[in-house]
Amino acid sequence: AGLRAAQPGEFTRRAFDNGRIDLA
């Protein structure tokens, strides 16, 4: 419960949104 399959690029998008990496 509470889990779903990721979409393409979603792990990296979360890293960007959470400030772990920048856009470049």
PDB file of all heavy atoms in Angstrom:
ATOM      1  N   ALA A   1       0.833  -1.206   0.000  1.00  0.00           N
ATOM      2  CA  ALA A   1       0.000   0.000   0.000  1.00  0.00           C
ATOM      3  C   ALA A   1       0.869   1.258   0.000  1.00  0.00           C
ATOM      4  O   ALA A   1       1.867   1.338   0.718  1.00  0.00           O
ATOM      5  CB  ALA A   1      -0.919   0.004   1.217  1.00  0.00           C
ATOM      6  N   GLY A   2       0.496   2.233  -0.811  1.00  0.00           N
ATOM      7  CA  GLY A   2       1.210   3.501  -0.853  1.00  0.00           C
ATOM      8  C   GLY A   2       2.358   3.538  -1.827  1.00  0.00           C
ATOM      9  O   GLY A   2       3.041   4.562  -1.936  1.00  0.00           O
ATOM     10  N   LEU A   3       2.616   2.466  -2.546  1.00  0.00           N
ATOM     11  CA  LEU A   3       3.688   2.427  -3.539  1.00  0.00           C
ATOM     12  C   LEU A   3       3.106   2.417  -4.942  1.00  0.00           C
ATOM     13  O   LEU A   3       2.013   1.900  -5.177  1.00  0.00           O
ATOM     14  CB  LEU A   3       4.572   1.191  -3.359  1.00  0.00           C
ATOM     15  CG  LEU A   3       5.811   1.362  -2.470  1.00  0.00           C
ATOM     16  CD1 LEU A   3       5.385   1.578  -1.030  1.00  0.00           C
ATOM     17  CD2 LEU A   3       6.722   0.141  -2.589  1.00  0.00           C
ATOM     18  N   ARG A   4       3.850   2.991  -5.875  1.00  0.00           N
ATOM     19  CA  ARG A   4       3.505   2.904  -7.292  1.00  0.00           C
ATOM     20  C   ARG A   4       4.783   2.852  -8.107  1.00  0.00           C
ATOM     21  O   ARG A   4       5.857   3.273  -7.664  1.00  0.00           O
ATOM     22  CB  ARG A   4       2.650   4.093  -7.722  1.00  0.00           C
ATOM     23  CG  ARG A   4       3.362   5.431  -7.641  1.00  0.00           C
ATOM     24  CD  ARG A   4       2.527   6.541  -8.292  1.00  0.00           C
ATOM     25  NE  ARG A   4       3.149   7.846  -8.114  1.00  0.00           N
ATOM     26  CZ  ARG A   4       4.125   8.319  -8.879  1.00  0.00           C
ATOM     27  NH1 ARG A   4       4.614   7.588  -9.875  1.00  0.00           N
ATOM     28  NH2 ARG A   4       4.638   9.526  -8.644  1.00  0.00           N
ATOM     29  N   ALA A   5       4.658   2.331  -9.325  1.00  0.00           N
ATOM     30  CA  ALA A   5       5.808   2.264 -10.225  1.00  0.00           C
ATOM     31  C   ALA A   5       6.211   3.671 -10.659  1.00  0.00           C
ATOM     32  O   ALA A   5       5.371   4.542 -10.876  1.00  0.00           O
ATOM     33  CB  ALA A   5       5.471   1.409 -11.443  1.00  0.00           C
ATOM     34  N   ALA A   6       7.511   3.883 -10.752  1.00  0.00           N
ATOM     35  CA  ALA A   6       8.017   5.196 -11.154  1.00  0.00           C
ATOM     36  C   ALA A   6       7.781   5.439 -12.634  1.00  0.00           C
ATOM     37  O   ALA A   6       7.681   4.507 -13.441  1.00  0.00           O
ATOM     38  CB  ALA A   6       9.503   5.300 -10.843  1.00  0.00           C
ATOM     39  N   GLN A   7       7.712   6.715 -13.002  1.00  0.00           N
ATOM     40  CA  GLN A   7       7.644   7.116 -14.393  1.00  0.00           C
ATOM     41  C   GLN A   7       9.049   7.454 -14.885  1.00  0.00           C
ATOM     42  O   GLN A   7       9.968   7.642 -14.081  1.00  0.00           O
ATOM     43  CB  GLN A   7       6.723   8.333 -14.526  1.00  0.00           C
ATOM     44  CG  GLN A   7       5.285   8.049 -14.110  1.00  0.00           C
ATOM     45  CD  GLN A   7       4.398   9.253 -14.262  1.00  0.00           C
ATOM     46  OE1 GLN A   7       4.693  10.153 -15.049  1.00  0.00           O
ATOM     47  NE2 GLN A   7       3.306   9.299 -13.516  1.00  0.00           N
ATOM     48  N   PRO A   8       9.243   7.536 -16.213  1.00  0.00           N
ATOM     49  CA  PRO A   8      10.580   7.837 -16.736  1.00  0.00           C
ATOM     50  C   PRO A   8      11.144   9.131 -16.157  1.00  0.00           C
ATOM     51  O   PRO A   8      10.484  10.174 -16.165  1.00  0.00           O
ATOM     52  CB  PRO A   8      10.338   7.962 -18.244  1.00  0.00           C
ATOM     53  CG  PRO A   8       9.158   7.095 -18.503  1.00  0.00           C
ATOM     54  CD  PRO A   8       8.287   7.253 -17.293  1.00  0.00           C
ATOM     55  N   GLY A   9      12.369   9.054 -15.637  1.00  0.00           N
ATOM     56  CA  GLY A   9      13.062  10.233 -15.132  1.00  0.00           C
ATOM     57  C   GLY A   9      12.605  10.709 -13.771  1.00  0.00           C
ATOM     58  O   GLY A   9      13.091  11.736 -13.284  1.00  0.00           O
ATOM     59  N   GLU A  10      11.697   9.970 -13.101  1.00  0.00           N
ATOM     60  CA  GLU A  10      11.111  10.515 -11.879  1.00  0.00           C
ATOM     61  C   GLU A  10      12.095  10.528 -10.713  1.00  0.00           C
ATOM     62  O   GLU A  10      12.042  11.430  -9.866  1.00  0.00           O
ATOM     63  CB  GLU A  10       9.860   9.735 -11.501  1.00  0.00           C
ATOM     64  CG  GLU A  10       9.044  10.421 -10.425  1.00  0.00           C
ATOM     65  CD  GLU A  10       7.649   9.860 -10.274  1.00  0.00           C
ATOM     66  OE1 GLU A  10       7.326   8.867 -10.944  1.00  0.00           O
ATOM     67  OE2 GLU A  10       6.898  10.419  -9.458  1.00  0.00           O
ATOM     68  N   PHE A  11      12.983   9.561 -10.642  1.00  0.00           N
ATOM     69  CA  PHE A  11      13.979   9.590  -9.570  1.00  0.00           C
ATOM     70  C   PHE A  11      14.863  10.825  -9.704  1.00  0.00           C
ATOM     71  O   PHE A  11      15.136  11.533  -8.720  1.00  0.00           O
ATOM     72  CB  PHE A  11      14.837   8.314  -9.598  1.00  0.00           C
ATOM     73  CG  PHE A  11      14.153   7.094  -9.062  1.00  0.00           C
ATOM     74  CD1 PHE A  11      13.458   6.238  -9.896  1.00  0.00           C
ATOM     75  CD2 PHE A  11      14.199   6.799  -7.708  1.00  0.00           C
ATOM     76  CE1 PHE A  11      12.826   5.109  -9.400  1.00  0.00           C
ATOM     77  CE2 PHE A  11      13.576   5.677  -7.198  1.00  0.00           C
ATOM     78  CZ  PHE A  11      12.877   4.833  -8.050  1.00  0.00           C
ATOM     79  N   THR A  12      15.331  11.104 -10.927  1.00  0.00           N
ATOM     80  CA  THR A  12      16.181  12.269 -11.148  1.00  0.00           C
ATOM     81  C   THR A  12      15.392  13.557 -10.962  1.00  0.00           C
ATOM     82  O   THR A  12      15.921  14.551 -10.444  1.00  0.00           O
ATOM     83  CB  THR A  12      16.800  12.219 -12.555  1.00  0.00           C
ATOM     84  OG1 THR A  12      17.425  10.949 -12.744  1.00  0.00           O
ATOM     85  CG2 THR A  12      17.829  13.312 -12.727  1.00  0.00           C
ATOM     86  N   ARG A  13      14.124  13.574 -11.374  1.00  0.00           N
ATOM     87  CA  ARG A  13      13.292  14.762 -11.169  1.00  0.00           C
ATOM     88  C   ARG A  13      13.162  15.063  -9.678  1.00  0.00           C
ATOM     89  O   ARG A  13      13.202  16.216  -9.260  1.00  0.00           O
ATOM     90  CB  ARG A  13      11.908  14.537 -11.787  1.00  0.00           C
ATOM     91  CG  ARG A  13      10.904  15.683 -11.548  1.00  0.00           C
ATOM     92  CD  ARG A  13      11.393  16.966 -12.230  1.00  0.00           C
ATOM     93  NE  ARG A  13      10.483  18.072 -11.981  1.00  0.00           N
ATOM     94  CZ  ARG A  13       9.520  18.460 -12.814  1.00  0.00           C
ATOM     95  NH1 ARG A  13       9.324  17.827 -13.953  1.00  0.00           N
ATOM     96  NH2 ARG A  13       8.764  19.485 -12.533  1.00  0.00           N
ATOM     97  N   ARG A  14      13.005  14.028  -8.850  1.00  0.00           N
ATOM     98  CA  ARG A  14      12.904  14.255  -7.407  1.00  0.00           C
ATOM     99  C   ARG A  14      14.229  14.768  -6.844  1.00  0.00           C
ATOM    100  O   ARG A  14      14.247  15.618  -5.955  1.00  0.00           O
ATOM    101  CB  ARG A  14      12.470  12.967  -6.706  1.00  0.00           C
ATOM    102  CG  ARG A  14      11.038  12.589  -7.031  1.00  0.00           C
ATOM    103  CD  ARG A  14      10.549  11.411  -6.219  1.00  0.00           C
ATOM    104  NE  ARG A  14       9.133  11.175  -6.501  1.00  0.00           N
ATOM    105  CZ  ARG A  14       8.292  10.564  -5.677  1.00  0.00           C
ATOM    106  NH1 ARG A  14       8.723  10.133  -4.503  1.00  0.00           N
ATOM    107  NH2 ARG A  14       7.032  10.391  -6.003  1.00  0.00           N
ATOM    108  N   ALA A  15      15.322  14.249  -7.369  1.00  0.00           N
ATOM    109  CA  ALA A  15      16.623  14.758  -6.924  1.00  0.00           C
ATOM    110  C   ALA A  15      16.754  16.244  -7.239  1.00  0.00           C
ATOM    111  O   ALA A  15      17.267  17.028  -6.434  1.00  0.00           O
ATOM    112  CB  ALA A  15      17.752  13.967  -7.583  1.00  0.00           C
ATOM    113  N   PHE A  16      16.267  16.651  -8.416  1.00  0.00           N
ATOM    114  CA  PHE A  16      16.291  18.069  -8.791  1.00  0.00           C
ATOM    115  C   PHE A  16      15.363  18.882  -7.893  1.00  0.00           C
ATOM    116  O   PHE A  16      15.743  19.926  -7.358  1.00  0.00           O
ATOM    117  CB  PHE A  16      15.892  18.214 -10.262  1.00  0.00           C
ATOM    118  CG  PHE A  16      15.624  19.629 -10.679  1.00  0.00           C
ATOM    119  CD1 PHE A  16      16.664  20.522 -10.871  1.00  0.00           C
ATOM    120  CD2 PHE A  16      14.328  20.073 -10.873  1.00  0.00           C
ATOM    121  CE1 PHE A  16      16.413  21.840 -11.252  1.00  0.00           C
ATOM    122  CE2 PHE A  16      14.062  21.375 -11.251  1.00  0.00           C
ATOM    123  CZ  PHE A  16      15.112  22.261 -11.448  1.00  0.00           C
ATOM    124  N   ASP A  17      14.124  18.415  -7.728  1.00  0.00           N
ATOM    125  CA  ASP A  17      13.150  19.165  -6.927  1.00  0.00           C
ATOM    126  C   ASP A  17      13.592  19.299  -5.471  1.00  0.00           C
ATOM    127  O   ASP A  17      13.251  20.285  -4.803  1.00  0.00           O
ATOM    128  CB  ASP A  17      11.786  18.480  -6.986  1.00  0.00           C
ATOM    129  CG  ASP A  17      11.094  18.674  -8.329  1.00  0.00           C
ATOM    130  OD1 ASP A  17      11.423  19.663  -9.017  1.00  0.00           O
ATOM    131  OD2 ASP A  17      10.231  17.856  -8.692  1.00  0.00           O
ATOM    132  N   ASN A  18      14.345  18.320  -4.982  1.00  0.00           N
ATOM    133  CA  ASN A  18      14.791  18.351  -3.588  1.00  0.00           C
ATOM    134  C   ASN A  18      16.175  18.951  -3.419  1.00  0.00           C
ATOM    135  O   ASN A  18      16.767  18.881  -2.334  1.00  0.00           O
ATOM    136  CB  ASN A  18      14.766  16.935  -2.998  1.00  0.00           C
ATOM    137  CG  ASN A  18      13.354  16.413  -2.826  1.00  0.00           C
ATOM    138  OD1 ASN A  18      12.450  17.154  -2.460  1.00  0.00           O
ATOM    139  ND2 ASN A  18      13.148  15.124  -3.084  1.00  0.00           N
ATOM    140  N   GLY A  19      16.721  19.532  -4.501  1.00  0.00           N
ATOM    141  CA  GLY A  19      17.986  20.245  -4.388  1.00  0.00           C
ATOM    142  C   GLY A  19      19.224  19.373  -4.331  1.00  0.00           C
ATOM    143  O   GLY A  19      20.304  19.864  -3.999  1.00  0.00           O
ATOM    144  N   ARG A  20      19.090  18.083  -4.677  1.00  0.00           N
ATOM    145  CA  ARG A  20      20.273  17.215  -4.674  1.00  0.00           C
ATOM    146  C   ARG A  20      21.152  17.450  -5.895  1.00  0.00           C
ATOM    147  O   ARG A  20      22.357  17.237  -5.853  1.00  0.00           O
ATOM    148  CB  ARG A  20      19.851  15.741  -4.612  1.00  0.00           C
ATOM    149  CG  ARG A  20      19.070  15.373  -3.366  1.00  0.00           C
ATOM    150  CD  ARG A  20      19.876  15.614  -2.111  1.00  0.00           C
ATOM    151  NE  ARG A  20      21.037  14.718  -2.047  1.00  0.00           N
ATOM    152  CZ  ARG A  20      21.993  14.781  -1.143  1.00  0.00           C
ATOM    153  NH1 ARG A  20      21.972  15.750  -0.238  1.00  0.00           N
ATOM    154  NH2 ARG A  20      22.979  13.925  -1.141  1.00  0.00           N
ATOM    155  N   ILE A  21      20.535  17.829  -7.000  1.00  0.00           N
ATOM    156  CA  ILE A  21      21.281  18.203  -8.201  1.00  0.00           C
ATOM    157  C   ILE A  21      20.594  19.440  -8.787  1.00  0.00           C
ATOM    158  O   ILE A  21      19.429  19.708  -8.499  1.00  0.00           O
ATOM    159  CB  ILE A  21      21.322  17.081  -9.257  1.00  0.00           C
ATOM    160  CG1 ILE A  21      19.894  16.709  -9.699  1.00  0.00           C
ATOM    161  CG2 ILE A  21      22.073  15.875  -8.743  1.00  0.00           C
ATOM    162  CD1 ILE A  21      19.860  15.720 -10.846  1.00  0.00           C
ATOM    163  N   ASP A  22      21.323  20.182  -9.616  1.00  0.00           N
ATOM    164  CA  ASP A  22      20.684  21.291 -10.307  1.00  0.00           C
ATOM    165  C   ASP A  22      20.388  20.878 -11.747  1.00  0.00           C
ATOM    166  O   ASP A  22      20.676  19.753 -12.160  1.00  0.00           O
ATOM    167  CB  ASP A  22      21.519  22.569 -10.219  1.00  0.00           C
ATOM    168  CG  ASP A  22      22.868  22.463 -10.919  1.00  0.00           C
ATOM    169  OD1 ASP A  22      22.985  21.698 -11.899  1.00  0.00           O
ATOM    170  OD2 ASP A  22      23.820  23.134 -10.479  1.00  0.00           O
ATOM    171  N   LEU A  23      19.802  21.788 -12.502  1.00  0.00           N
ATOM    172  CA  LEU A  23      19.339  21.445 -13.836  1.00  0.00           C
ATOM    173  C   LEU A  23      20.492  21.112 -14.775  1.00  0.00           C
ATOM    174  O   LEU A  23      20.396  20.181 -15.588  1.00  0.00           O
ATOM    175  CB  LEU A  23      18.511  22.599 -14.401  1.00  0.00           C
ATOM    176  CG  LEU A  23      17.817  22.346 -15.731  1.00  0.00           C
ATOM    177  CD1 LEU A  23      16.925  21.113 -15.651  1.00  0.00           C
ATOM    178  CD2 LEU A  23      17.009  23.565 -16.146  1.00  0.00           C
ATOM    179  N   ALA A  24      21.580  21.844 -14.685  1.00  0.00           N
ATOM    180  CA  ALA A  24      22.726  21.562 -15.551  1.00  0.00           C
ATOM    181  C   ALA A  24      23.293  20.176 -15.266  1.00  0.00           C
ATOM    182  O   ALA A  24      23.668  19.438 -16.186  1.00  0.00           O
ATOM    183  CB  ALA A  24      23.804  22.630 -15.360  1.00  0.00           C
TER     184      ALA A  24
END
